[in-house]
Each structure stands twice: as structure tokens, then as C-alpha cells.
Amino acid sequence: MKTQYYTATSLDGFIATEEDSLEWLFPLGELGTSSYPAFIAEVGALAMGANTYEWMLRNADAVIAEAGSPWPYTQPTWIFTHRQLPKIEGADIRFVSGDVNRIHAEMCAAAGDKNIWIVGGGDLAGQFYDAGLLDELIVQVGSVTLGQGKPLLPRRLLSPVLSLTAVRQMGGSMVELRYEVNSKVPGI
């Protein structure tokens, strides 16, 4: 079992615009030709930030068109938030706040021998990293720059914390990078 941050980023390190838009991402590739189908098959639980969840609510029509339903996941999902949010009917969603350590244990129990996916955002992934719970980053880098926006991972991770384990070109506009996270490096 691994806790993985699987996401896409612009070349200059942003996962969304300042307004939480992902429109820059959609022209870059097809979900079905990426590593996503194999990745999601190994996921047993999800962690999602409130902004990512709200993006899904705002873009429900696009989600339905892509996935066939307003909630594309069968796995239980923990939404990290400090505010009241509407629940998507039929989705296995748990709204939580507080320390990721406590909630990670619940997620591990629910995931069984499968992985935990930190869907977004970058700060949530950073909280898992800070707690020593993040095992892997899978980052698909698109051939666009945004200039500013929501950062990929707003933490300082200096060598030797990240070890590059794989690189895969995805068409002419994206590349996937896989990193093992060694959060147990002395002095870090």
C-alpha cells in the first residue's frame, strides 16, 4: 500500500489557475491513453481538498459527460474541509478536518491492500508529506505555462527526498514523472 499524489501540472508548476480552473489541461491529452486507468484500478481510498471537490461540483456537467455520473469514483473519499459543503448523492464521501495522521489510519483501513490517492490540492499533499505519510508523486507535466496559480506542492523538498523512478512521454504535449518520496531522510 502506498499513499500517492497523482496530479497534472503546468511546466511552471501550477495545478490550477488562481480561479481553480483546469481548462488549460483538457486539450493536452486523453485520460484513457494516460496511466490513469491502471492507476485508479489500484486505488482503495481517496483524499481530496475542498477546492478540488468544489471544482467537481461546479463542473458537474463535464464530470457527467466524462464519467457518466456526477461522482466518478467508487472508492470512499475523505474531503478535507473547514466549511459546510453539499454532498453528491450516492457518493461515498466523508467530510473531515484536522490532522491527516488520524484520518490516514481510517483511510488505510478502508483501502485494504490498495493505495490511497491524494487527488488534490497541493497543500493537502504537503500536509501528508509533513506527516511523513506521502510515499510517491506521480506528476504529469503539460507543455503549457500559467505564470501563476495553485502550486503543485507548496513545500521545499530538497535532495535526496525525491528519487525519480520513471519517466514516460504521453504524446507530444505531456510527460509523466514518478518520484519515490523518502521523508525519513536524516535532517529533513
N, C-alpha and C. Protein backbone atom coordinates (compact mmCIF):
# COMPACT_ATOMS: atom_id res chain seq x y z
N MET A 1 0.85 -1.19 0.00
CA MET A 1 0.00 0.00 0.00
C MET A 1 0.88 1.24 0.00
N LYS A 2 0.50 2.20 -0.84
CA LYS A 2 1.21 3.48 -0.92
C LYS A 2 0.20 4.62 -0.80
N THR A 3 0.68 5.74 -0.29
CA THR A 3 -0.08 6.98 -0.35
C THR A 3 0.54 7.80 -1.47
N GLN A 4 -0.24 8.08 -2.51
CA GLN A 4 0.27 8.67 -3.74
C GLN A 4 -0.42 9.99 -4.05
N TYR A 5 0.38 10.93 -4.51
CA TYR A 5 -0.15 12.20 -5.02
C TYR A 5 -0.03 12.11 -6.53
N TYR A 6 -1.16 11.88 -7.20
CA TYR A 6 -1.23 11.73 -8.65
C TYR A 6 -1.92 12.96 -9.19
N THR A 7 -1.22 13.74 -10.03
CA THR A 7 -1.79 15.00 -10.49
C THR A 7 -1.15 15.44 -11.79
N ALA A 8 -1.67 16.51 -12.34
CA ALA A 8 -1.09 17.15 -13.52
C ALA A 8 -0.67 18.55 -13.14
N THR A 9 0.36 19.03 -13.79
CA THR A 9 0.86 20.38 -13.52
C THR A 9 1.31 21.04 -14.81
N SER A 10 1.29 22.36 -14.79
CA SER A 10 1.86 23.10 -15.91
C SER A 10 3.38 23.01 -15.82
N LEU A 11 4.05 23.37 -16.88
CA LEU A 11 5.50 23.34 -16.91
C LEU A 11 6.10 24.21 -15.81
N ASP A 12 5.42 25.27 -15.43
CA ASP A 12 5.93 26.16 -14.39
C ASP A 12 5.37 25.83 -13.00
N GLY A 13 4.79 24.64 -12.84
CA GLY A 13 4.48 24.13 -11.52
C GLY A 13 3.15 24.49 -10.89
N PHE A 14 2.12 24.72 -11.71
CA PHE A 14 0.80 25.03 -11.17
C PHE A 14 -0.21 23.96 -11.58
N ILE A 15 -1.05 23.54 -10.61
CA ILE A 15 -2.05 22.51 -10.90
C ILE A 15 -3.38 23.12 -11.33
N ALA A 16 -3.56 24.40 -11.07
CA ALA A 16 -4.79 25.11 -11.47
C ALA A 16 -4.48 26.59 -11.53
N THR A 17 -5.35 27.33 -12.18
CA THR A 17 -5.18 28.78 -12.22
C THR A 17 -5.56 29.35 -10.85
N GLU A 18 -5.40 30.64 -10.69
CA GLU A 18 -5.77 31.29 -9.43
C GLU A 18 -7.26 31.14 -9.14
N GLU A 19 -8.06 30.96 -10.19
CA GLU A 19 -9.52 30.80 -10.05
C GLU A 19 -9.91 29.32 -9.99
N ASP A 20 -8.94 28.43 -9.77
CA ASP A 20 -9.16 26.99 -9.68
C ASP A 20 -9.62 26.37 -11.00
N SER A 21 -9.27 26.96 -12.11
CA SER A 21 -9.64 26.41 -13.41
C SER A 21 -8.62 25.36 -13.86
N LEU A 22 -9.14 24.31 -14.50
CA LEU A 22 -8.30 23.26 -15.08
C LEU A 22 -8.42 23.25 -16.61
N GLU A 23 -9.02 24.28 -17.16
CA GLU A 23 -9.26 24.33 -18.61
C GLU A 23 -7.97 24.19 -19.41
N TRP A 24 -6.85 24.61 -18.86
CA TRP A 24 -5.56 24.51 -19.55
C TRP A 24 -5.16 23.06 -19.81
N LEU A 25 -5.66 22.15 -18.96
CA LEU A 25 -5.25 20.75 -19.00
C LEU A 25 -5.94 19.93 -20.09
N PHE A 26 -7.22 20.17 -20.31
CA PHE A 26 -8.02 19.30 -21.15
C PHE A 26 -7.53 19.14 -22.60
N PRO A 27 -7.00 20.18 -23.26
CA PRO A 27 -6.54 19.98 -24.63
C PRO A 27 -5.24 19.18 -24.76
N LEU A 28 -4.58 18.87 -23.64
CA LEU A 28 -3.25 18.28 -23.69
C LEU A 28 -3.21 16.77 -23.87
N GLY A 29 -4.29 16.08 -23.59
CA GLY A 29 -4.25 14.63 -23.73
C GLY A 29 -5.55 13.98 -23.35
N GLU A 30 -5.64 12.70 -23.62
CA GLU A 30 -6.82 11.90 -23.32
C GLU A 30 -6.58 11.07 -22.08
N LEU A 31 -7.54 11.08 -21.17
CA LEU A 31 -7.43 10.33 -19.93
C LEU A 31 -7.20 8.84 -20.19
N GLY A 32 -7.89 8.29 -21.17
CA GLY A 32 -7.79 6.87 -21.47
C GLY A 32 -6.43 6.43 -21.98
N THR A 33 -5.64 7.34 -22.54
CA THR A 33 -4.31 6.99 -23.05
C THR A 33 -3.22 7.29 -22.03
N SER A 34 -3.61 7.76 -20.86
CA SER A 34 -2.64 8.04 -19.80
C SER A 34 -2.51 6.81 -18.90
N SER A 35 -1.76 6.96 -17.83
CA SER A 35 -1.61 5.87 -16.85
C SER A 35 -2.82 5.79 -15.91
N TYR A 36 -3.78 6.71 -16.05
CA TYR A 36 -4.90 6.78 -15.12
C TYR A 36 -5.69 5.47 -14.98
N PRO A 37 -6.09 4.80 -16.07
CA PRO A 37 -6.88 3.57 -15.88
C PRO A 37 -6.16 2.52 -15.00
N ALA A 38 -4.88 2.31 -15.22
CA ALA A 38 -4.13 1.35 -14.39
C ALA A 38 -3.96 1.89 -12.97
N PHE A 39 -3.73 3.19 -12.86
CA PHE A 39 -3.56 3.82 -11.54
C PHE A 39 -4.82 3.67 -10.69
N ILE A 40 -5.97 4.07 -11.22
CA ILE A 40 -7.20 4.09 -10.43
C ILE A 40 -7.63 2.66 -10.05
N ALA A 41 -7.26 1.68 -10.84
CA ALA A 41 -7.60 0.29 -10.51
C ALA A 41 -6.91 -0.17 -9.22
N GLU A 42 -5.83 0.49 -8.84
CA GLU A 42 -5.08 0.13 -7.64
C GLU A 42 -5.39 1.04 -6.46
N VAL A 43 -6.38 1.92 -6.58
CA VAL A 43 -6.73 2.87 -5.52
C VAL A 43 -7.89 2.33 -4.70
N GLY A 44 -7.71 2.37 -3.36
CA GLY A 44 -8.75 1.89 -2.47
C GLY A 44 -9.44 2.99 -1.67
N ALA A 45 -8.82 4.18 -1.62
CA ALA A 45 -9.41 5.32 -0.90
C ALA A 45 -8.80 6.60 -1.45
N LEU A 46 -9.57 7.70 -1.35
CA LEU A 46 -9.12 8.99 -1.87
C LEU A 46 -9.16 10.05 -0.78
N ALA A 47 -8.20 10.97 -0.87
CA ALA A 47 -8.19 12.19 -0.05
C ALA A 47 -8.30 13.36 -1.02
N MET A 48 -9.21 14.27 -0.73
CA MET A 48 -9.46 15.38 -1.65
C MET A 48 -9.64 16.66 -0.84
N GLY A 49 -9.02 17.74 -1.32
CA GLY A 49 -9.21 19.03 -0.70
C GLY A 49 -10.55 19.65 -1.10
N ALA A 50 -10.98 20.61 -0.32
CA ALA A 50 -12.27 21.27 -0.55
C ALA A 50 -12.32 21.97 -1.91
N ASN A 51 -11.23 22.62 -2.32
CA ASN A 51 -11.24 23.32 -3.61
C ASN A 51 -11.41 22.36 -4.77
N THR A 52 -10.78 21.19 -4.69
CA THR A 52 -10.93 20.19 -5.75
C THR A 52 -12.37 19.67 -5.78
N TYR A 53 -12.92 19.41 -4.61
CA TYR A 53 -14.30 18.95 -4.52
C TYR A 53 -15.26 20.01 -5.08
N GLU A 54 -15.04 21.26 -4.73
CA GLU A 54 -15.90 22.34 -5.24
C GLU A 54 -15.77 22.48 -6.75
N TRP A 55 -14.57 22.23 -7.30
CA TRP A 55 -14.39 22.25 -8.75
C TRP A 55 -15.30 21.18 -9.37
N MET A 56 -15.33 20.01 -8.75
CA MET A 56 -16.17 18.93 -9.28
C MET A 56 -17.65 19.31 -9.22
N LEU A 57 -18.06 19.98 -8.15
CA LEU A 57 -19.45 20.43 -8.04
C LEU A 57 -19.78 21.47 -9.12
N ARG A 58 -18.86 22.43 -9.33
CA ARG A 58 -19.09 23.47 -10.34
C ARG A 58 -19.09 22.92 -11.76
N ASN A 59 -18.37 21.84 -11.97
CA ASN A 59 -18.21 21.27 -13.30
C ASN A 59 -18.94 19.93 -13.44
N ALA A 60 -20.05 19.82 -12.74
CA ALA A 60 -20.81 18.55 -12.71
C ALA A 60 -21.18 18.07 -14.11
N ASP A 61 -21.56 18.99 -15.00
CA ASP A 61 -21.95 18.58 -16.35
C ASP A 61 -20.78 17.93 -17.09
N ALA A 62 -19.59 18.50 -16.96
CA ALA A 62 -18.40 17.95 -17.60
C ALA A 62 -18.03 16.60 -16.98
N VAL A 63 -18.17 16.49 -15.67
CA VAL A 63 -17.87 15.22 -14.99
C VAL A 63 -18.84 14.15 -15.47
N ILE A 64 -20.12 14.48 -15.56
CA ILE A 64 -21.12 13.52 -16.04
C ILE A 64 -20.82 13.10 -17.48
N ALA A 65 -20.46 14.07 -18.33
CA ALA A 65 -20.14 13.76 -19.72
C ALA A 65 -18.94 12.82 -19.83
N GLU A 66 -17.94 13.01 -18.97
CA GLU A 66 -16.72 12.19 -19.00
C GLU A 66 -16.92 10.84 -18.33
N ALA A 67 -17.56 10.85 -17.15
CA ALA A 67 -17.63 9.64 -16.32
C ALA A 67 -18.99 8.94 -16.35
N GLY A 68 -20.02 9.62 -16.82
CA GLY A 68 -21.35 9.02 -16.85
C GLY A 68 -22.15 9.22 -15.58
N SER A 69 -21.56 9.87 -14.59
CA SER A 69 -22.27 10.16 -13.34
C SER A 69 -21.62 11.37 -12.68
N PRO A 70 -22.31 12.02 -11.74
CA PRO A 70 -21.75 13.21 -11.11
C PRO A 70 -20.57 12.91 -10.20
N TRP A 71 -20.38 11.65 -9.82
CA TRP A 71 -19.23 11.28 -8.97
C TRP A 71 -18.52 10.11 -9.64
N PRO A 72 -17.30 10.31 -10.13
CA PRO A 72 -16.64 9.29 -10.94
C PRO A 72 -15.92 8.19 -10.16
N TYR A 73 -16.01 8.20 -8.82
CA TYR A 73 -15.23 7.26 -8.02
C TYR A 73 -16.13 6.28 -7.28
N THR A 74 -15.69 5.04 -7.19
CA THR A 74 -16.40 4.04 -6.39
C THR A 74 -15.76 3.91 -5.00
N GLN A 75 -14.56 4.40 -4.86
CA GLN A 75 -13.83 4.30 -3.60
C GLN A 75 -14.34 5.33 -2.59
N PRO A 76 -14.22 5.00 -1.29
CA PRO A 76 -14.56 6.00 -0.28
C PRO A 76 -13.60 7.19 -0.39
N THR A 77 -14.16 8.39 -0.18
CA THR A 77 -13.38 9.62 -0.35
C THR A 77 -13.53 10.50 0.88
N TRP A 78 -12.40 10.94 1.39
CA TRP A 78 -12.36 11.87 2.52
C TRP A 78 -12.13 13.26 1.96
N ILE A 79 -13.07 14.17 2.18
CA ILE A 79 -12.96 15.56 1.73
C ILE A 79 -12.49 16.38 2.93
N PHE A 80 -11.29 16.96 2.81
CA PHE A 80 -10.72 17.77 3.87
C PHE A 80 -11.21 19.20 3.72
N THR A 81 -11.99 19.67 4.71
CA THR A 81 -12.59 20.99 4.62
C THR A 81 -12.87 21.55 6.01
N HIS A 82 -12.98 22.85 6.08
CA HIS A 82 -13.37 23.54 7.31
C HIS A 82 -14.72 24.22 7.13
N ARG A 83 -15.40 23.94 6.03
CA ARG A 83 -16.69 24.59 5.78
C ARG A 83 -17.73 23.53 5.39
N GLN A 84 -18.98 23.92 5.43
CA GLN A 84 -20.08 23.05 5.04
C GLN A 84 -20.13 22.97 3.52
N LEU A 85 -20.18 21.77 2.98
CA LEU A 85 -20.28 21.56 1.54
C LEU A 85 -21.41 20.58 1.27
N PRO A 86 -22.08 20.74 0.13
CA PRO A 86 -23.14 19.78 -0.21
C PRO A 86 -22.53 18.43 -0.58
N LYS A 87 -23.27 17.37 -0.27
CA LYS A 87 -22.81 16.03 -0.60
C LYS A 87 -23.42 15.61 -1.93
N ILE A 88 -22.62 14.95 -2.75
CA ILE A 88 -23.11 14.41 -4.01
C ILE A 88 -23.86 13.12 -3.71
N GLU A 89 -25.11 13.07 -4.13
CA GLU A 89 -25.97 11.93 -3.87
C GLU A 89 -25.35 10.64 -4.41
N GLY A 90 -25.33 9.61 -3.58
CA GLY A 90 -24.83 8.30 -3.99
C GLY A 90 -23.33 8.12 -3.86
N ALA A 91 -22.60 9.18 -3.52
CA ALA A 91 -21.14 9.10 -3.40
C ALA A 91 -20.75 8.71 -1.97
N ASP A 92 -19.72 7.90 -1.83
CA ASP A 92 -19.19 7.52 -0.52
C ASP A 92 -18.19 8.59 -0.08
N ILE A 93 -18.72 9.67 0.49
CA ILE A 93 -17.93 10.85 0.85
C ILE A 93 -18.00 11.06 2.36
N ARG A 94 -16.84 11.38 2.94
CA ARG A 94 -16.76 11.71 4.37
C ARG A 94 -16.08 13.07 4.49
N PHE A 95 -16.76 14.03 5.05
CA PHE A 95 -16.19 15.36 5.26
C PHE A 95 -15.43 15.36 6.57
N VAL A 96 -14.17 15.78 6.51
CA VAL A 96 -13.30 15.75 7.69
C VAL A 96 -12.47 17.02 7.76
N SER A 97 -11.93 17.27 8.94
CA SER A 97 -10.96 18.34 9.11
C SER A 97 -9.99 17.89 10.19
N GLY A 98 -8.87 18.57 10.27
CA GLY A 98 -7.92 18.24 11.31
C GLY A 98 -6.71 17.49 10.79
N ASP A 99 -6.03 16.85 11.71
CA ASP A 99 -4.76 16.19 11.48
C ASP A 99 -4.90 15.02 10.48
N VAL A 100 -4.06 15.05 9.45
CA VAL A 100 -4.11 13.99 8.44
C VAL A 100 -3.67 12.64 9.01
N ASN A 101 -2.85 12.63 10.06
CA ASN A 101 -2.41 11.36 10.66
C ASN A 101 -3.60 10.52 11.11
N ARG A 102 -4.49 11.11 11.84
CA ARG A 102 -5.66 10.40 12.38
C ARG A 102 -6.54 9.88 11.24
N ILE A 103 -6.75 10.70 10.25
CA ILE A 103 -7.63 10.33 9.14
C ILE A 103 -6.96 9.31 8.22
N HIS A 104 -5.64 9.39 8.08
CA HIS A 104 -4.90 8.44 7.25
C HIS A 104 -5.11 7.02 7.74
N ALA A 105 -5.15 6.83 9.04
CA ALA A 105 -5.37 5.49 9.59
C ALA A 105 -6.73 4.94 9.15
N GLU A 106 -7.76 5.78 9.16
CA GLU A 106 -9.09 5.37 8.69
C GLU A 106 -9.04 5.01 7.20
N MET A 107 -8.33 5.83 6.44
CA MET A 107 -8.23 5.61 5.00
C MET A 107 -7.51 4.29 4.71
N CYS A 108 -6.46 4.00 5.45
CA CYS A 108 -5.72 2.75 5.26
C CYS A 108 -6.63 1.55 5.53
N ALA A 109 -7.41 1.64 6.59
CA ALA A 109 -8.33 0.54 6.90
C ALA A 109 -9.34 0.34 5.77
N ALA A 110 -9.85 1.42 5.23
CA ALA A 110 -10.83 1.32 4.15
C ALA A 110 -10.20 0.84 2.84
N ALA A 111 -8.96 1.23 2.59
CA ALA A 111 -8.29 0.88 1.32
C ALA A 111 -7.85 -0.58 1.28
N GLY A 112 -7.68 -1.21 2.43
CA GLY A 112 -7.21 -2.59 2.44
C GLY A 112 -5.79 -2.68 1.93
N ASP A 113 -5.56 -3.50 0.90
CA ASP A 113 -4.21 -3.62 0.35
C ASP A 113 -4.01 -2.72 -0.87
N LYS A 114 -4.97 -1.84 -1.13
CA LYS A 114 -4.84 -0.91 -2.27
C LYS A 114 -4.24 0.41 -1.80
N ASN A 115 -3.99 1.29 -2.74
CA ASN A 115 -3.33 2.57 -2.47
C ASN A 115 -4.31 3.67 -2.08
N ILE A 116 -3.75 4.71 -1.50
CA ILE A 116 -4.51 5.92 -1.18
C ILE A 116 -4.06 7.00 -2.16
N TRP A 117 -5.04 7.65 -2.78
CA TRP A 117 -4.76 8.70 -3.76
C TRP A 117 -5.08 10.05 -3.15
N ILE A 118 -4.08 10.90 -3.09
CA ILE A 118 -4.31 12.30 -2.74
C ILE A 118 -4.62 13.00 -4.05
N VAL A 119 -5.90 13.30 -4.25
CA VAL A 119 -6.37 13.86 -5.52
C VAL A 119 -5.92 15.30 -5.67
N GLY A 120 -5.99 16.06 -4.66
CA GLY A 120 -5.61 17.47 -4.70
C GLY A 120 -6.20 18.15 -3.50
N GLY A 121 -5.66 19.25 -3.23
CA GLY A 121 -4.65 20.00 -3.93
C GLY A 121 -3.26 19.84 -3.34
N GLY A 122 -2.42 20.76 -3.80
CA GLY A 122 -1.02 20.72 -3.44
C GLY A 122 -0.78 20.86 -1.95
N ASP A 123 -1.54 21.73 -1.29
CA ASP A 123 -1.34 21.90 0.15
C ASP A 123 -1.75 20.65 0.91
N LEU A 124 -2.82 19.99 0.49
CA LEU A 124 -3.22 18.74 1.14
C LEU A 124 -2.13 17.69 0.99
N ALA A 125 -1.57 17.56 -0.21
CA ALA A 125 -0.45 16.64 -0.41
C ALA A 125 0.72 17.03 0.49
N GLY A 126 0.95 18.33 0.65
CA GLY A 126 2.01 18.80 1.53
C GLY A 126 1.77 18.42 2.98
N GLN A 127 0.52 18.43 3.41
CA GLN A 127 0.21 18.02 4.78
C GLN A 127 0.53 16.54 4.99
N PHE A 128 0.23 15.71 4.01
CA PHE A 128 0.59 14.30 4.10
C PHE A 128 2.11 14.14 4.11
N TYR A 129 2.80 14.93 3.29
CA TYR A 129 4.26 14.89 3.30
C TYR A 129 4.81 15.30 4.67
N ASP A 130 4.30 16.41 5.21
CA ASP A 130 4.76 16.90 6.51
C ASP A 130 4.60 15.84 7.60
N ALA A 131 3.55 15.03 7.49
CA ALA A 131 3.28 13.98 8.48
C ALA A 131 4.08 12.70 8.21
N GLY A 132 4.89 12.70 7.14
CA GLY A 132 5.67 11.50 6.80
C GLY A 132 4.84 10.40 6.18
N LEU A 133 3.70 10.74 5.58
CA LEU A 133 2.77 9.75 5.04
C LEU A 133 2.76 9.65 3.52
N LEU A 134 3.44 10.55 2.83
CA LEU A 134 3.43 10.56 1.37
C LEU A 134 4.54 9.66 0.84
N ASP A 135 4.18 8.67 0.03
CA ASP A 135 5.14 7.69 -0.48
C ASP A 135 5.59 7.95 -1.92
N GLU A 136 4.69 8.52 -2.74
CA GLU A 136 5.01 8.64 -4.16
C GLU A 136 4.31 9.84 -4.78
N LEU A 137 5.01 10.51 -5.68
CA LEU A 137 4.42 11.56 -6.50
C LEU A 137 4.39 11.04 -7.93
N ILE A 138 3.24 11.16 -8.57
CA ILE A 138 3.09 10.84 -9.99
C ILE A 138 2.57 12.13 -10.62
N VAL A 139 3.43 12.78 -11.37
CA VAL A 139 3.14 14.12 -11.87
C VAL A 139 3.18 14.11 -13.39
N GLN A 140 2.07 14.49 -14.00
CA GLN A 140 2.02 14.64 -15.44
C GLN A 140 2.20 16.11 -15.76
N VAL A 141 3.29 16.42 -16.46
CA VAL A 141 3.67 17.80 -16.75
C VAL A 141 3.22 18.15 -18.16
N GLY A 142 2.38 19.18 -18.26
CA GLY A 142 1.86 19.62 -19.55
C GLY A 142 2.73 20.70 -20.16
N SER A 143 2.69 20.80 -21.47
CA SER A 143 3.50 21.76 -22.21
C SER A 143 2.81 23.13 -22.29
N VAL A 144 2.47 23.65 -21.12
CA VAL A 144 1.89 24.99 -21.01
C VAL A 144 2.51 25.67 -19.78
N THR A 145 2.47 26.99 -19.76
CA THR A 145 2.84 27.73 -18.56
C THR A 145 1.65 28.60 -18.18
N LEU A 146 1.44 28.77 -16.89
CA LEU A 146 0.31 29.56 -16.41
C LEU A 146 0.76 30.88 -15.80
N GLY A 147 2.03 30.99 -15.45
CA GLY A 147 2.53 32.23 -14.88
C GLY A 147 2.26 32.37 -13.39
N GLN A 148 1.10 31.92 -12.96
CA GLN A 148 0.74 31.90 -11.55
C GLN A 148 -0.49 31.02 -11.38
N GLY A 149 -0.77 30.68 -10.14
CA GLY A 149 -1.91 29.81 -9.87
C GLY A 149 -1.71 29.03 -8.60
N LYS A 150 -2.33 27.86 -8.54
CA LYS A 150 -2.25 26.98 -7.37
C LYS A 150 -1.02 26.07 -7.54
N PRO A 151 -0.07 26.16 -6.61
CA PRO A 151 1.18 25.41 -6.79
C PRO A 151 1.02 23.89 -6.66
N LEU A 152 1.87 23.19 -7.37
CA LEU A 152 1.90 21.73 -7.37
C LEU A 152 2.09 21.17 -5.96
N LEU A 153 3.06 21.65 -5.24
CA LEU A 153 3.36 21.16 -3.90
C LEU A 153 4.08 22.28 -3.14
N PRO A 154 3.34 23.09 -2.40
CA PRO A 154 3.94 24.25 -1.76
C PRO A 154 4.78 23.88 -0.53
N ARG A 155 5.82 23.12 -0.78
CA ARG A 155 6.78 22.71 0.24
C ARG A 155 8.16 22.76 -0.39
N ARG A 156 9.17 22.88 0.44
CA ARG A 156 10.55 22.81 -0.03
C ARG A 156 11.03 21.38 0.17
N LEU A 157 11.23 20.66 -0.92
CA LEU A 157 11.73 19.29 -0.86
C LEU A 157 13.08 19.27 -1.56
N LEU A 158 14.13 19.20 -0.81
CA LEU A 158 15.47 19.22 -1.36
C LEU A 158 16.03 17.81 -1.44
N SER A 159 16.97 17.61 -2.33
CA SER A 159 17.61 16.31 -2.50
C SER A 159 18.18 15.87 -1.15
N PRO A 160 18.05 14.63 -0.81
CA PRO A 160 17.65 13.44 -1.56
C PRO A 160 16.22 12.98 -1.27
N VAL A 161 15.31 13.89 -0.95
CA VAL A 161 13.94 13.50 -0.59
C VAL A 161 13.22 12.81 -1.74
N LEU A 162 13.35 13.32 -2.96
CA LEU A 162 12.66 12.74 -4.12
C LEU A 162 13.64 11.94 -4.97
N SER A 163 13.27 10.71 -5.29
CA SER A 163 14.06 9.88 -6.19
C SER A 163 13.22 9.59 -7.42
N LEU A 164 13.69 10.02 -8.58
CA LEU A 164 12.99 9.78 -9.83
C LEU A 164 13.05 8.30 -10.15
N THR A 165 11.87 7.68 -10.33
CA THR A 165 11.83 6.24 -10.60
C THR A 165 11.37 5.90 -12.01
N ALA A 166 10.67 6.83 -12.69
CA ALA A 166 10.20 6.54 -14.05
C ALA A 166 9.86 7.84 -14.77
N VAL A 167 10.05 7.80 -16.08
CA VAL A 167 9.67 8.91 -16.97
C VAL A 167 8.96 8.29 -18.16
N ARG A 168 7.82 8.88 -18.53
CA ARG A 168 7.05 8.36 -19.66
C ARG A 168 6.49 9.51 -20.48
N GLN A 169 6.80 9.54 -21.75
CA GLN A 169 6.22 10.55 -22.63
C GLN A 169 4.79 10.15 -22.95
N MET A 170 3.90 11.16 -22.92
CA MET A 170 2.49 10.94 -23.21
C MET A 170 2.12 11.83 -24.39
N GLY A 171 2.28 11.32 -25.59
CA GLY A 171 2.01 12.12 -26.77
C GLY A 171 3.03 13.23 -26.93
N GLY A 172 2.61 14.28 -27.62
CA GLY A 172 3.52 15.39 -27.88
C GLY A 172 3.40 16.55 -26.92
N SER A 173 2.54 16.41 -25.89
CA SER A 173 2.33 17.57 -25.03
C SER A 173 2.41 17.29 -23.53
N MET A 174 2.69 16.04 -23.14
CA MET A 174 2.80 15.74 -21.71
C MET A 174 3.87 14.68 -21.46
N VAL A 175 4.39 14.74 -20.25
CA VAL A 175 5.32 13.72 -19.77
C VAL A 175 4.91 13.37 -18.34
N GLU A 176 5.05 12.09 -18.00
CA GLU A 176 4.74 11.67 -16.63
C GLU A 176 6.03 11.36 -15.90
N LEU A 177 6.17 11.94 -14.72
CA LEU A 177 7.32 11.72 -13.86
C LEU A 177 6.85 11.02 -12.59
N ARG A 178 7.56 9.98 -12.20
CA ARG A 178 7.24 9.27 -10.95
C ARG A 178 8.42 9.42 -10.00
N TYR A 179 8.08 9.81 -8.77
CA TYR A 179 9.10 10.01 -7.74
C TYR A 179 8.73 9.21 -6.50
N GLU A 180 9.71 8.54 -5.94
CA GLU A 180 9.56 7.95 -4.62
C GLU A 180 9.90 9.05 -3.62
N VAL A 181 9.11 9.15 -2.55
CA VAL A 181 9.34 10.15 -1.52
C VAL A 181 10.00 9.48 -0.33
N ASN A 182 11.17 9.94 0.02
CA ASN A 182 11.86 9.44 1.19
C ASN A 182 11.79 10.52 2.27
N SER A 183 10.71 10.51 3.03
CA SER A 183 10.52 11.54 4.06
C SER A 183 11.25 11.17 5.35
N LYS A 184 11.94 10.07 5.32
CA LYS A 184 12.68 9.66 6.50
C LYS A 184 14.18 9.94 6.38
N VAL A 185 14.56 10.86 5.47
CA VAL A 185 15.95 11.25 5.29
C VAL A 185 16.41 12.02 6.52
N PRO A 186 17.54 11.63 7.12
CA PRO A 186 18.02 12.36 8.30
C PRO A 186 18.18 13.85 8.04
N GLY A 187 17.74 14.65 9.00
CA GLY A 187 17.89 16.11 8.88
C GLY A 187 16.80 16.79 8.11
N ILE A 188 15.80 16.06 7.66
CA ILE A 188 14.74 16.68 6.87
C ILE A 188 13.46 16.70 7.67
